[in-house]
Amino acid sequence: MLLQIQFENVTVNNGLQKILSEFGLNFRFHWTEMLIDVAYQYPTMIDLFRDFYIGPGAKPTLHRLSKSPNILDQLVGIKLKHFPYLQYDGKPVYLSAENWEGIVCEFRKYTNLKNGEGRIRLYL
């Protein structure tokens, strides 16, 4: 059985729907990670700047910021006056929905540790 799923400038959520409908399995987090890797190698196939799946680690923090279902899209669109954006060749580099999702996921992880919750990750 050969599967052919076409991606051209699709959002992560649209890509997830295509994959999940073909495989019939619900591994949203794992498929999202795979789509991120595809987007890094082929940025014209997957758009990390819109309609991005919010993983379970990021959800609590994002819900503290806003109950809006498209909070990541709103964060991507933030342009603050007098803010020293990261630049590349003199042009501002904005954080993608994938970047924001990762930031709030890490924030929750370290906030939990500070509050005596979660688990300590030991790297040997």
PDB file of N, CA and C in Angstrom:
ATOM      1  N   MET A   1       0.844  -1.179   0.000  1.00  0.00           N
ATOM      2  CA  MET A   1       0.000   0.000   0.000  1.00  0.00           C
ATOM      3  C   MET A   1       0.885   1.236   0.000  1.00  0.00           C
ATOM      4  N   LEU A   2       0.782   2.054  -1.009  1.00  0.00           N
ATOM      5  CA  LEU A   2       1.557   3.278  -1.128  1.00  0.00           C
ATOM      6  C   LEU A   2       0.649   4.462  -0.838  1.00  0.00           C
ATOM      7  N   LEU A   3       1.038   5.250   0.174  1.00  0.00           N
ATOM      8  CA  LEU A   3       0.255   6.434   0.520  1.00  0.00           C
ATOM      9  C   LEU A   3       0.882   7.647  -0.137  1.00  0.00           C
ATOM     10  N   GLN A   4       0.050   8.491  -0.672  1.00  0.00           N
ATOM     11  CA  GLN A   4       0.536   9.738  -1.244  1.00  0.00           C
ATOM     12  C   GLN A   4      -0.271  10.877  -0.655  1.00  0.00           C
ATOM     13  N   ILE A   5       0.385  11.646   0.181  1.00  0.00           N
ATOM     14  CA  ILE A   5      -0.248  12.813   0.783  1.00  0.00           C
ATOM     15  C   ILE A   5       0.518  14.025   0.265  1.00  0.00           C
ATOM     16  N   GLN A   6      -0.193  14.951  -0.338  1.00  0.00           N
ATOM     17  CA  GLN A   6       0.434  16.129  -0.918  1.00  0.00           C
ATOM     18  C   GLN A   6       0.403  17.288   0.078  1.00  0.00           C
ATOM     19  N   PHE A   7       1.536  17.959   0.208  1.00  0.00           N
ATOM     20  CA  PHE A   7       1.633  19.144   1.049  1.00  0.00           C
ATOM     21  C   PHE A   7       2.223  20.278   0.228  1.00  0.00           C
ATOM     22  N   GLU A   8       1.524  21.384   0.186  1.00  0.00           N
ATOM     23  CA  GLU A   8       2.080  22.588  -0.404  1.00  0.00           C
ATOM     24  C   GLU A   8       1.507  23.767   0.362  1.00  0.00           C
ATOM     25  N   ASN A   9       2.356  24.365   1.187  1.00  0.00           N
ATOM     26  CA  ASN A   9       1.980  25.515   2.004  1.00  0.00           C
ATOM     27  C   ASN A   9       0.744  25.240   2.862  1.00  0.00           C
ATOM     28  N   VAL A  10       0.677  24.066   3.475  1.00  0.00           N
ATOM     29  CA  VAL A  10      -0.437  23.741   4.363  1.00  0.00           C
ATOM     30  C   VAL A  10      -0.043  24.066   5.798  1.00  0.00           C
ATOM     31  N   THR A  11      -1.032  24.323   6.611  1.00  0.00           N
ATOM     32  CA  THR A  11      -0.772  24.548   8.026  1.00  0.00           C
ATOM     33  C   THR A  11      -0.520  23.211   8.705  1.00  0.00           C
ATOM     34  N   VAL A  12       0.020  23.257   9.894  1.00  0.00           N
ATOM     35  CA  VAL A  12       0.256  22.024  10.643  1.00  0.00           C
ATOM     36  C   VAL A  12      -1.073  21.320  10.910  1.00  0.00           C
ATOM     37  N   ASN A  13      -2.110  22.084  11.285  1.00  0.00           N
ATOM     38  CA  ASN A  13      -3.402  21.449  11.555  1.00  0.00           C
ATOM     39  C   ASN A  13      -3.991  20.794  10.314  1.00  0.00           C
ATOM     40  N   ASN A  14      -3.857  21.427   9.151  1.00  0.00           N
ATOM     41  CA  ASN A  14      -4.337  20.804   7.915  1.00  0.00           C
ATOM     42  C   ASN A  14      -3.524  19.558   7.582  1.00  0.00           C
ATOM     43  N   GLY A  15      -2.214  19.636   7.776  1.00  0.00           N
ATOM     44  CA  GLY A  15      -1.365  18.474   7.561  1.00  0.00           C
ATOM     45  C   GLY A  15      -1.729  17.336   8.486  1.00  0.00           C
ATOM     46  N   LEU A  16      -2.017  17.662   9.747  1.00  0.00           N
ATOM     47  CA  LEU A  16      -2.439  16.641  10.711  1.00  0.00           C
ATOM     48  C   LEU A  16      -3.710  15.947  10.251  1.00  0.00           C
ATOM     49  N   GLN A  17      -4.675  16.717   9.779  1.00  0.00           N
ATOM     50  CA  GLN A  17      -5.933  16.129   9.324  1.00  0.00           C
ATOM     51  C   GLN A  17      -5.699  15.168   8.166  1.00  0.00           C
ATOM     52  N   LYS A  18      -4.814  15.553   7.232  1.00  0.00           N
ATOM     53  CA  LYS A  18      -4.512  14.667   6.103  1.00  0.00           C
ATOM     54  C   LYS A  18      -3.875  13.365   6.575  1.00  0.00           C
ATOM     55  N   ILE A  19      -2.914  13.477   7.476  1.00  0.00           N
ATOM     56  CA  ILE A  19      -2.202  12.292   7.968  1.00  0.00           C
ATOM     57  C   ILE A  19      -3.127  11.399   8.786  1.00  0.00           C
ATOM     58  N   LEU A  20      -3.864  12.002   9.724  1.00  0.00           N
ATOM     59  CA  LEU A  20      -4.730  11.209  10.594  1.00  0.00           C
ATOM     60  C   LEU A  20      -5.833  10.506   9.809  1.00  0.00           C
ATOM     61  N   SER A  21      -6.342  11.148   8.755  1.00  0.00           N
ATOM     62  CA  SER A  21      -7.386  10.494   7.957  1.00  0.00           C
ATOM     63  C   SER A  21      -6.817   9.306   7.175  1.00  0.00           C
ATOM     64  N   GLU A  22      -5.557   9.366   6.782  1.00  0.00           N
ATOM     65  CA  GLU A  22      -4.933   8.256   6.044  1.00  0.00           C
ATOM     66  C   GLU A  22      -4.580   7.093   6.967  1.00  0.00           C
ATOM     67  N   PHE A  23      -4.028   7.404   8.137  1.00  0.00           N
ATOM     68  CA  PHE A  23      -3.543   6.352   9.029  1.00  0.00           C
ATOM     69  C   PHE A  23      -4.590   5.868  10.020  1.00  0.00           C
ATOM     70  N   GLY A  24      -5.564   6.722  10.331  1.00  0.00           N
ATOM     71  CA  GLY A  24      -6.610   6.322  11.261  1.00  0.00           C
ATOM     72  C   GLY A  24      -6.150   6.216  12.702  1.00  0.00           C
ATOM     73  N   LEU A  25      -4.977   6.722  12.996  1.00  0.00           N
ATOM     74  CA  LEU A  25      -4.452   6.697  14.357  1.00  0.00           C
ATOM     75  C   LEU A  25      -4.362   8.128  14.874  1.00  0.00           C
ATOM     76  N   ASN A  26      -4.537   8.285  16.163  1.00  0.00           N
ATOM     77  CA  ASN A  26      -4.495   9.623  16.721  1.00  0.00           C
ATOM     78  C   ASN A  26      -3.235   9.807  17.564  1.00  0.00           C
ATOM     79  N   PHE A  27      -2.136  10.124  16.919  1.00  0.00           N
ATOM     80  CA  PHE A  27      -0.893  10.464  17.599  1.00  0.00           C
ATOM     81  C   PHE A  27      -0.561  11.910  17.243  1.00  0.00           C
ATOM     82  N   ARG A  28      -1.485  12.815  17.598  1.00  0.00           N
ATOM     83  CA  ARG A  28      -1.366  14.215  17.185  1.00  0.00           C
ATOM     84  C   ARG A  28      -0.019  14.812  17.560  1.00  0.00           C
ATOM     85  N   PHE A  29       0.438  14.594  18.782  1.00  0.00           N
ATOM     86  CA  PHE A  29       1.704  15.180  19.226  1.00  0.00           C
ATOM     87  C   PHE A  29       2.859  14.671  18.365  1.00  0.00           C
ATOM     88  N   HIS A  30       2.925  13.376  18.149  1.00  0.00           N
ATOM     89  CA  HIS A  30       4.027  12.797  17.386  1.00  0.00           C
ATOM     90  C   HIS A  30       4.003  13.229  15.924  1.00  0.00           C
ATOM     91  N   TRP A  31       2.813  13.244  15.318  1.00  0.00           N
ATOM     92  CA  TRP A  31       2.707  13.693  13.927  1.00  0.00           C
ATOM     93  C   TRP A  31       3.044  15.179  13.810  1.00  0.00           C
ATOM     94  N   THR A  32       2.685  15.959  14.826  1.00  0.00           N
ATOM     95  CA  THR A  32       3.041  17.383  14.804  1.00  0.00           C
ATOM     96  C   THR A  32       4.555  17.545  14.791  1.00  0.00           C
ATOM     97  N   GLU A  33       5.239  16.782  15.614  1.00  0.00           N
ATOM     98  CA  GLU A  33       6.704  16.842  15.644  1.00  0.00           C
ATOM     99  C   GLU A  33       7.295  16.460  14.287  1.00  0.00           C
ATOM    100  N   MET A  34       6.711  15.487  13.648  1.00  0.00           N
ATOM    101  CA  MET A  34       7.190  15.076  12.328  1.00  0.00           C
ATOM    102  C   MET A  34       6.963  16.199  11.308  1.00  0.00           C
ATOM    103  N   LEU A  35       5.794  16.839  11.360  1.00  0.00           N
ATOM    104  CA  LEU A  35       5.506  17.935  10.434  1.00  0.00           C
ATOM    105  C   LEU A  35       6.439  19.125  10.663  1.00  0.00           C
ATOM    106  N   ILE A  36       6.812  19.377  11.907  1.00  0.00           N
ATOM    107  CA  ILE A  36       7.780  20.443  12.206  1.00  0.00           C
ATOM    108  C   ILE A  36       9.104  20.131  11.520  1.00  0.00           C
ATOM    109  N   ASP A  37       9.551  18.893  11.632  1.00  0.00           N
ATOM    110  CA  ASP A  37      10.809  18.507  10.979  1.00  0.00           C
ATOM    111  C   ASP A  37      10.726  18.659   9.466  1.00  0.00           C
ATOM    112  N   VAL A  38       9.585  18.299   8.889  1.00  0.00           N
ATOM    113  CA  VAL A  38       9.401  18.483   7.444  1.00  0.00           C
ATOM    114  C   VAL A  38       9.465  19.972   7.107  1.00  0.00           C
ATOM    115  N   ALA A  39       8.813  20.794   7.918  1.00  0.00           N
ATOM    116  CA  ALA A  39       8.788  22.245   7.658  1.00  0.00           C
ATOM    117  C   ALA A  39      10.184  22.856   7.709  1.00  0.00           C
ATOM    118  N   TYR A  40      11.028  22.371   8.605  1.00  0.00           N
ATOM    119  CA  TYR A  40      12.399  22.900   8.673  1.00  0.00           C
ATOM    120  C   TYR A  40      13.176  22.582   7.404  1.00  0.00           C
ATOM    121  N   GLN A  41      12.942  21.415   6.843  1.00  0.00           N
ATOM    122  CA  GLN A  41      13.660  21.009   5.639  1.00  0.00           C
ATOM    123  C   GLN A  41      12.999  21.533   4.363  1.00  0.00           C
ATOM    124  N   TYR A  42      11.677  21.642   4.388  1.00  0.00           N
ATOM    125  CA  TYR A  42      10.908  22.052   3.205  1.00  0.00           C
ATOM    126  C   TYR A  42       9.878  23.112   3.614  1.00  0.00           C
ATOM    127  N   PRO A  43      10.320  24.348   3.859  1.00  0.00           N
ATOM    128  CA  PRO A  43       9.403  25.378   4.376  1.00  0.00           C
ATOM    129  C   PRO A  43       8.259  25.746   3.443  1.00  0.00           C
ATOM    130  N   THR A  44       8.328  25.374   2.173  1.00  0.00           N
ATOM    131  CA  THR A  44       7.208  25.665   1.271  1.00  0.00           C
ATOM    132  C   THR A  44       6.096  24.630   1.399  1.00  0.00           C
ATOM    133  N   MET A  45       6.364  23.528   2.085  1.00  0.00           N
ATOM    134  CA  MET A  45       5.353  22.484   2.230  1.00  0.00           C
ATOM    135  C   MET A  45       4.469  22.700   3.461  1.00  0.00           C
ATOM    136  N   ILE A  46       5.079  23.065   4.580  1.00  0.00           N
ATOM    137  CA  ILE A  46       4.361  23.216   5.843  1.00  0.00           C
ATOM    138  C   ILE A  46       4.606  24.625   6.360  1.00  0.00           C
ATOM    139  N   ASP A  47       3.537  25.326   6.729  1.00  0.00           N
ATOM    140  CA  ASP A  47       3.624  26.695   7.246  1.00  0.00           C
ATOM    141  C   ASP A  47       3.528  26.660   8.769  1.00  0.00           C
ATOM    142  N   LEU A  48       4.630  26.974   9.458  1.00  0.00           N
ATOM    143  CA  LEU A  48       4.657  26.952  10.917  1.00  0.00           C
ATOM    144  C   LEU A  48       4.129  28.242  11.535  1.00  0.00           C
ATOM    145  N   PHE A  49       3.715  29.190  10.704  1.00  0.00           N
ATOM    146  CA  PHE A  49       3.282  30.491  11.211  1.00  0.00           C
ATOM    147  C   PHE A  49       1.773  30.618  11.384  1.00  0.00           C
ATOM    148  N   ARG A  50       1.005  29.590  11.035  1.00  0.00           N
ATOM    149  CA  ARG A  50      -0.437  29.703  11.218  1.00  0.00           C
ATOM    150  C   ARG A  50      -1.061  28.350  11.548  1.00  0.00           C
ATOM    151  N   ASP A  51      -2.191  28.418  12.227  1.00  0.00           N
ATOM    152  CA  ASP A  51      -3.020  27.253  12.520  1.00  0.00           C
ATOM    153  C   ASP A  51      -2.208  26.054  13.002  1.00  0.00           C
ATOM    154  N   PHE A  52      -1.632  26.207  14.192  1.00  0.00           N
ATOM    155  CA  PHE A  52      -0.711  25.215  14.736  1.00  0.00           C
ATOM    156  C   PHE A  52      -1.354  24.468  15.901  1.00  0.00           C
ATOM    157  N   TYR A  53      -1.171  23.157  15.946  1.00  0.00           N
ATOM    158  CA  TYR A  53      -1.704  22.313  17.021  1.00  0.00           C
ATOM    159  C   TYR A  53      -1.056  22.688  18.356  1.00  0.00           C
ATOM    160  N   ILE A  54      -1.867  22.922  19.360  1.00  0.00           N
ATOM    161  CA  ILE A  54      -1.366  23.240  20.701  1.00  0.00           C
ATOM    162  C   ILE A  54      -1.249  21.936  21.473  1.00  0.00           C
ATOM    163  N   GLY A  55      -0.024  21.573  21.825  1.00  0.00           N
ATOM    164  CA  GLY A  55       0.223  20.334  22.550  1.00  0.00           C
ATOM    165  C   GLY A  55      -0.192  20.422  24.007  1.00  0.00           C
ATOM    166  N   PRO A  56      -0.267  19.274  24.681  1.00  0.00           N
ATOM    167  CA  PRO A  56      -0.733  19.245  26.064  1.00  0.00           C
ATOM    168  C   PRO A  56       0.165  19.997  27.036  1.00  0.00           C
ATOM    169  N   GLY A  57       1.450  20.123  26.721  1.00  0.00           N
ATOM    170  CA  GLY A  57       2.345  20.872  27.606  1.00  0.00           C
ATOM    171  C   GLY A  57       2.146  22.369  27.541  1.00  0.00           C
ATOM    172  N   ALA A  58       1.712  22.870  26.396  1.00  0.00           N
ATOM    173  CA  ALA A  58       1.530  24.310  26.204  1.00  0.00           C
ATOM    174  C   ALA A  58       0.128  24.783  26.554  1.00  0.00           C
ATOM    175  N   LYS A  59      -0.830  23.889  26.480  1.00  0.00           N
ATOM    176  CA  LYS A  59      -2.241  24.285  26.632  1.00  0.00           C
ATOM    177  C   LYS A  59      -2.533  25.044  27.930  1.00  0.00           C
ATOM    178  N   PRO A  60      -2.076  24.578  29.105  1.00  0.00           N
ATOM    179  CA  PRO A  60      -2.414  25.308  30.340  1.00  0.00           C
ATOM    180  C   PRO A  60      -1.893  26.748  30.344  1.00  0.00           C
ATOM    181  N   THR A  61      -0.683  26.955  29.879  1.00  0.00           N
ATOM    182  CA  THR A  61      -0.113  28.301  29.871  1.00  0.00           C
ATOM    183  C   THR A  61      -0.838  29.193  28.871  1.00  0.00           C
ATOM    184  N   LEU A  62      -1.126  28.684  27.679  1.00  0.00           N
ATOM    185  CA  LEU A  62      -1.835  29.485  26.689  1.00  0.00           C
ATOM    186  C   LEU A  62      -3.233  29.854  27.173  1.00  0.00           C
ATOM    187  N   HIS A  63      -3.892  28.949  27.888  1.00  0.00           N
ATOM    188  CA  HIS A  63      -5.218  29.253  28.412  1.00  0.00           C
ATOM    189  C   HIS A  63      -5.155  30.298  29.521  1.00  0.00           C
ATOM    190  N   ARG A  64      -4.005  30.403  30.200  1.00  0.00           N
ATOM    191  CA  ARG A  64      -3.829  31.484  31.173  1.00  0.00           C
ATOM    192  C   ARG A  64      -3.717  32.826  30.457  1.00  0.00           C
ATOM    193  N   LEU A  65      -3.133  32.828  29.266  1.00  0.00           N
ATOM    194  CA  LEU A  65      -2.995  34.068  28.498  1.00  0.00           C
ATOM    195  C   LEU A  65      -4.308  34.480  27.851  1.00  0.00           C
ATOM    196  N   SER A  66      -5.028  33.507  27.298  1.00  0.00           N
ATOM    197  CA  SER A  66      -6.261  33.809  26.570  1.00  0.00           C
ATOM    198  C   SER A  66      -7.051  32.524  26.352  1.00  0.00           C
ATOM    199  N   LYS A  67      -8.355  32.650  26.355  1.00  0.00           N
ATOM    200  CA  LYS A  67      -9.229  31.505  26.062  1.00  0.00           C
ATOM    201  C   LYS A  67      -9.489  31.380  24.561  1.00  0.00           C
ATOM    202  N   SER A  68      -8.940  32.304  23.788  1.00  0.00           N
ATOM    203  CA  SER A  68      -9.153  32.302  22.343  1.00  0.00           C
ATOM    204  C   SER A  68      -8.578  31.041  21.714  1.00  0.00           C
ATOM    205  N   PRO A  69      -9.340  30.370  20.840  1.00  0.00           N
ATOM    206  CA  PRO A  69      -8.825  29.160  20.191  1.00  0.00           C
ATOM    207  C   PRO A  69      -7.687  29.449  19.211  1.00  0.00           C
ATOM    208  N   ASN A  70      -7.539  30.688  18.784  1.00  0.00           N
ATOM    209  CA  ASN A  70      -6.462  31.009  17.848  1.00  0.00           C
ATOM    210  C   ASN A  70      -5.416  31.915  18.490  1.00  0.00           C
ATOM    211  N   ILE A  71      -5.113  31.656  19.762  1.00  0.00           N
ATOM    212  CA  ILE A  71      -4.131  32.457  20.489  1.00  0.00           C
ATOM    213  C   ILE A  71      -2.754  32.431  19.821  1.00  0.00           C
ATOM    214  N   LEU A  72      -2.337  31.299  19.276  1.00  0.00           N
ATOM    215  CA  LEU A  72      -1.024  31.242  18.624  1.00  0.00           C
ATOM    216  C   LEU A  72      -0.982  32.148  17.400  1.00  0.00           C
ATOM    217  N   ASP A  73      -2.055  32.181  16.628  1.00  0.00           N
ATOM    218  CA  ASP A  73      -2.113  33.092  15.480  1.00  0.00           C
ATOM    219  C   ASP A  73      -1.999  34.541  15.940  1.00  0.00           C
ATOM    220  N   GLN A  74      -2.619  34.863  17.067  1.00  0.00           N
ATOM    221  CA  GLN A  74      -2.554  36.216  17.600  1.00  0.00           C
ATOM    222  C   GLN A  74      -1.138  36.559  18.066  1.00  0.00           C
ATOM    223  N   LEU A  75      -0.460  35.609  18.700  1.00  0.00           N
ATOM    224  CA  LEU A  75       0.912  35.851  19.149  1.00  0.00           C
ATOM    225  C   LEU A  75       1.856  36.049  17.969  1.00  0.00           C
ATOM    226  N   VAL A  76       1.676  35.282  16.908  1.00  0.00           N
ATOM    227  CA  VAL A  76       2.505  35.422  15.710  1.00  0.00           C
ATOM    228  C   VAL A  76       2.364  36.827  15.138  1.00  0.00           C
ATOM    229  N   GLY A  77       1.163  37.385  15.222  1.00  0.00           N
ATOM    230  CA  GLY A  77       0.893  38.683  14.626  1.00  0.00           C
ATOM    231  C   GLY A  77       1.316  39.878  15.464  1.00  0.00           C
ATOM    232  N   ILE A  78       1.856  39.652  16.659  1.00  0.00           N
ATOM    233  CA  ILE A  78       2.246  40.771  17.528  1.00  0.00           C
ATOM    234  C   ILE A  78       3.439  41.511  16.933  1.00  0.00           C
ATOM    235  N   LYS A  79       3.284  42.804  16.804  1.00  0.00           N
ATOM    236  CA  LYS A  79       4.386  43.664  16.381  1.00  0.00           C
ATOM    237  C   LYS A  79       4.412  44.842  17.348  1.00  0.00           C
ATOM    238  N   LEU A  80       5.393  44.866  18.231  1.00  0.00           N
ATOM    239  CA  LEU A  80       5.479  45.890  19.257  1.00  0.00           C
ATOM    240  C   LEU A  80       6.405  47.020  18.821  1.00  0.00           C
ATOM    241  N   LYS A  81       5.959  48.241  19.052  1.00  0.00           N
ATOM    242  CA  LYS A  81       6.803  49.405  18.761  1.00  0.00           C
ATOM    243  C   LYS A  81       7.978  49.419  19.724  1.00  0.00           C
ATOM    244  N   HIS A  82       9.110  49.786  19.244  1.00  0.00           N
ATOM    245  CA  HIS A  82      10.321  49.956  20.071  1.00  0.00           C
ATOM    246  C   HIS A  82      10.796  48.661  20.727  1.00  0.00           C
ATOM    247  N   PHE A  83      10.441  47.530  20.139  1.00  0.00           N
ATOM    248  CA  PHE A  83      10.916  46.250  20.665  1.00  0.00           C
ATOM    249  C   PHE A  83      12.088  45.783  19.811  1.00  0.00           C
ATOM    250  N   PRO A  84      13.199  45.420  20.432  1.00  0.00           N
ATOM    251  CA  PRO A  84      14.388  45.014  19.645  1.00  0.00           C
ATOM    252  C   PRO A  84      14.265  43.593  19.101  1.00  0.00           C
ATOM    253  N   TYR A  85      13.583  43.451  17.973  1.00  0.00           N
ATOM    254  CA  TYR A  85      13.391  42.137  17.376  1.00  0.00           C
ATOM    255  C   TYR A  85      14.718  41.550  16.925  1.00  0.00           C
ATOM    256  N   LEU A  86      14.784  40.235  16.962  1.00  0.00           N
ATOM    257  CA  LEU A  86      15.879  39.521  16.353  1.00  0.00           C
ATOM    258  C   LEU A  86      15.864  39.873  14.875  1.00  0.00           C
ATOM    259  N   GLN A  87      17.046  40.101  14.290  1.00  0.00           N
ATOM    260  CA  GLN A  87      17.083  40.484  12.883  1.00  0.00           C
ATOM    261  C   GLN A  87      17.997  39.574  12.088  1.00  0.00           C
ATOM    262  N   TYR A  88      17.666  39.463  10.807  1.00  0.00           N
ATOM    263  CA  TYR A  88      18.484  38.721   9.858  1.00  0.00           C
ATOM    264  C   TYR A  88      18.564  39.556   8.602  1.00  0.00           C
ATOM    265  N   ASP A  89      19.764  39.899   8.182  1.00  0.00           N
ATOM    266  CA  ASP A  89      19.967  40.785   7.035  1.00  0.00           C
ATOM    267  C   ASP A  89      19.159  42.073   7.160  1.00  0.00           C
ATOM    268  N   GLY A  90      19.094  42.618   8.378  1.00  0.00           N
ATOM    269  CA  GLY A  90      18.412  43.886   8.601  1.00  0.00           C
ATOM    270  C   GLY A  90      16.898  43.801   8.667  1.00  0.00           C
ATOM    271  N   LYS A  91      16.331  42.609   8.559  1.00  0.00           N
ATOM    272  CA  LYS A  91      14.877  42.450   8.605  1.00  0.00           C
ATOM    273  C   LYS A  91      14.488  41.734   9.897  1.00  0.00           C
ATOM    274  N   PRO A  92      13.377  42.164  10.527  1.00  0.00           N
ATOM    275  CA  PRO A  92      12.970  41.497  11.770  1.00  0.00           C
ATOM    276  C   PRO A  92      12.569  40.045  11.535  1.00  0.00           C
ATOM    277  N   VAL A  93      12.911  39.197  12.472  1.00  0.00           N
ATOM    278  CA  VAL A  93      12.535  37.778  12.441  1.00  0.00           C
ATOM    279  C   VAL A  93      11.471  37.594  13.518  1.00  0.00           C
ATOM    280  N   TYR A  94      10.292  37.157  13.105  1.00  0.00           N
ATOM    281  CA  TYR A  94       9.190  36.974  14.043  1.00  0.00           C
ATOM    282  C   TYR A  94       9.096  35.511  14.458  1.00  0.00           C
ATOM    283  N   LEU A  95       8.589  35.299  15.651  1.00  0.00           N
ATOM    284  CA  LEU A  95       8.417  33.940  16.151  1.00  0.00           C
ATOM    285  C   LEU A  95       7.212  33.296  15.481  1.00  0.00           C
ATOM    286  N   SER A  96       7.372  32.041  15.090  1.00  0.00           N
ATOM    287  CA  SER A  96       6.286  31.287  14.470  1.00  0.00           C
ATOM    288  C   SER A  96       5.348  30.755  15.552  1.00  0.00           C
ATOM    289  N   ALA A  97       4.209  30.240  15.135  1.00  0.00           N
ATOM    290  CA  ALA A  97       3.283  29.586  16.066  1.00  0.00           C
ATOM    291  C   ALA A  97       3.985  28.420  16.749  1.00  0.00           C
ATOM    292  N   GLU A  98       4.821  27.722  16.012  1.00  0.00           N
ATOM    293  CA  GLU A  98       5.581  26.598  16.583  1.00  0.00           C
ATOM    294  C   GLU A  98       6.554  27.096  17.642  1.00  0.00           C
ATOM    295  N   ASN A  99       7.211  28.240  17.411  1.00  0.00           N
ATOM    296  CA  ASN A  99       8.107  28.820  18.417  1.00  0.00           C
ATOM    297  C   ASN A  99       7.351  29.167  19.693  1.00  0.00           C
ATOM    298  N   TRP A 100       6.213  29.863  19.535  1.00  0.00           N
ATOM    299  CA  TRP A 100       5.417  30.266  20.697  1.00  0.00           C
ATOM    300  C   TRP A 100       4.932  29.046  21.475  1.00  0.00           C
ATOM    301  N   GLU A 101       4.477  28.017  20.781  1.00  0.00           N
ATOM    302  CA  GLU A 101       3.992  26.816  21.448  1.00  0.00           C
ATOM    303  C   GLU A 101       5.110  26.188  22.272  1.00  0.00           C
ATOM    304  N   GLY A 102       6.310  26.144  21.711  1.00  0.00           N
ATOM    305  CA  GLY A 102       7.454  25.592  22.437  1.00  0.00           C
ATOM    306  C   GLY A 102       7.842  26.429  23.647  1.00  0.00           C
ATOM    307  N   ILE A 103       7.806  27.741  23.501  1.00  0.00           N
ATOM    308  CA  ILE A 103       8.155  28.640  24.609  1.00  0.00           C
ATOM    309  C   ILE A 103       7.214  28.439  25.790  1.00  0.00           C
ATOM    310  N   VAL A 104       5.908  28.426  25.532  1.00  0.00           N
ATOM    311  CA  VAL A 104       4.968  28.291  26.644  1.00  0.00           C
ATOM    312  C   VAL A 104       4.988  26.883  27.233  1.00  0.00           C
ATOM    313  N   CYS A 105       5.319  25.900  26.443  1.00  0.00           N
ATOM    314  CA  CYS A 105       5.464  24.539  26.964  1.00  0.00           C
ATOM    315  C   CYS A 105       6.633  24.481  27.954  1.00  0.00           C
ATOM    316  N   GLU A 106       7.757  25.055  27.566  1.00  0.00           N
ATOM    317  CA  GLU A 106       8.918  25.087  28.464  1.00  0.00           C
ATOM    318  C   GLU A 106       8.631  25.924  29.712  1.00  0.00           C
ATOM    319  N   PHE A 107       7.933  27.041  29.535  1.00  0.00           N
ATOM    320  CA  PHE A 107       7.564  27.880  30.679  1.00  0.00           C
ATOM    321  C   PHE A 107       6.776  27.082  31.705  1.00  0.00           C
ATOM    322  N   ARG A 108       5.787  26.322  31.229  1.00  0.00           N
ATOM    323  CA  ARG A 108       4.967  25.509  32.135  1.00  0.00           C
ATOM    324  C   ARG A 108       5.811  24.464  32.851  1.00  0.00           C
ATOM    325  N   LYS A 109       6.719  23.840  32.121  1.00  0.00           N
ATOM    326  CA  LYS A 109       7.563  22.796  32.709  1.00  0.00           C
ATOM    327  C   LYS A 109       8.397  23.361  33.866  1.00  0.00           C
ATOM    328  N   TYR A 110       9.035  24.511  33.642  1.00  0.00           N
ATOM    329  CA  TYR A 110       9.898  25.073  34.679  1.00  0.00           C
ATOM    330  C   TYR A 110       9.100  25.746  35.783  1.00  0.00           C
ATOM    331  N   THR A 111       7.935  26.283  35.471  1.00  0.00           N
ATOM    332  CA  THR A 111       7.062  26.835  36.510  1.00  0.00           C
ATOM    333  C   THR A 111       6.583  25.722  37.427  1.00  0.00           C
ATOM    334  N   ASN A 112       6.216  24.578  36.851  1.00  0.00           N
ATOM    335  CA  ASN A 112       5.811  23.427  37.667  1.00  0.00           C
ATOM    336  C   ASN A 112       6.930  23.005  38.612  1.00  0.00           C
ATOM    337  N   LEU A 113       8.160  22.945  38.107  1.00  0.00           N
ATOM    338  CA  LEU A 113       9.285  22.553  38.965  1.00  0.00           C
ATOM    339  C   LEU A 113       9.493  23.553  40.096  1.00  0.00           C
ATOM    340  N   LYS A 114       9.380  24.821  39.779  1.00  0.00           N
ATOM    341  CA  LYS A 114       9.539  25.869  40.791  1.00  0.00           C
ATOM    342  C   LYS A 114       8.477  25.731  41.877  1.00  0.00           C
ATOM    343  N   ASN A 115       7.279  25.300  41.488  1.00  0.00           N
ATOM    344  CA  ASN A 115       6.176  25.135  42.435  1.00  0.00           C
ATOM    345  C   ASN A 115       6.163  23.760  43.097  1.00  0.00           C
ATOM    346  N   GLY A 116       7.209  22.965  42.877  1.00  0.00           N
ATOM    347  CA  GLY A 116       7.293  21.644  43.488  1.00  0.00           C
ATOM    348  C   GLY A 116       6.438  20.597  42.802  1.00  0.00           C
ATOM    349  N   GLU A 117       6.037  20.859  41.559  1.00  0.00           N
ATOM    350  CA  GLU A 117       5.221  19.910  40.806  1.00  0.00           C
ATOM    351  C   GLU A 117       6.047  19.391  39.629  1.00  0.00           C
ATOM    352  N   GLY A 118       5.471  18.515  38.856  1.00  0.00           N
ATOM    353  CA  GLY A 118       6.176  17.986  37.699  1.00  0.00           C
ATOM    354  C   GLY A 118       7.289  17.039  38.105  1.00  0.00           C
ATOM    355  N   ARG A 119       8.189  16.795  37.175  1.00  0.00           N
ATOM    356  CA  ARG A 119       9.295  15.898  37.503  1.00  0.00           C
ATOM    357  C   ARG A 119      10.609  16.521  37.038  1.00  0.00           C
ATOM    358  N   ILE A 120      11.624  16.277  37.802  1.00  0.00           N
ATOM    359  CA  ILE A 120      12.956  16.768  37.461  1.00  0.00           C
ATOM    360  C   ILE A 120      13.508  15.890  36.346  1.00  0.00           C
ATOM    361  N   ARG A 121      14.059  16.513  35.320  1.00  0.00           N
ATOM    362  CA  ARG A 121      14.654  15.766  34.218  1.00  0.00           C
ATOM    363  C   ARG A 121      16.157  15.703  34.433  1.00  0.00           C
ATOM    364  N   LEU A 122      16.658  14.526  34.654  1.00  0.00           N
ATOM    365  CA  LEU A 122      18.089  14.346  34.861  1.00  0.00           C
ATOM    366  C   LEU A 122      18.763  13.980  33.559  1.00  0.00           C
ATOM    367  N   TYR A 123      19.790  14.701  33.218  1.00  0.00           N
ATOM    368  CA  TYR A 123      20.548  14.407  32.003  1.00  0.00           C
ATOM    369  C   TYR A 123      21.929  13.942  32.429  1.00  0.00           C
ATOM    370  N   LEU A 124      22.243  12.715  32.115  1.00  0.00           N
ATOM    371  CA  LEU A 124      23.520  12.138  32.534  1.00  0.00           C
ATOM    372  C   LEU A 124      24.482  12.076  31.367  1.00  0.00           C
TER     373      LEU A 124
END
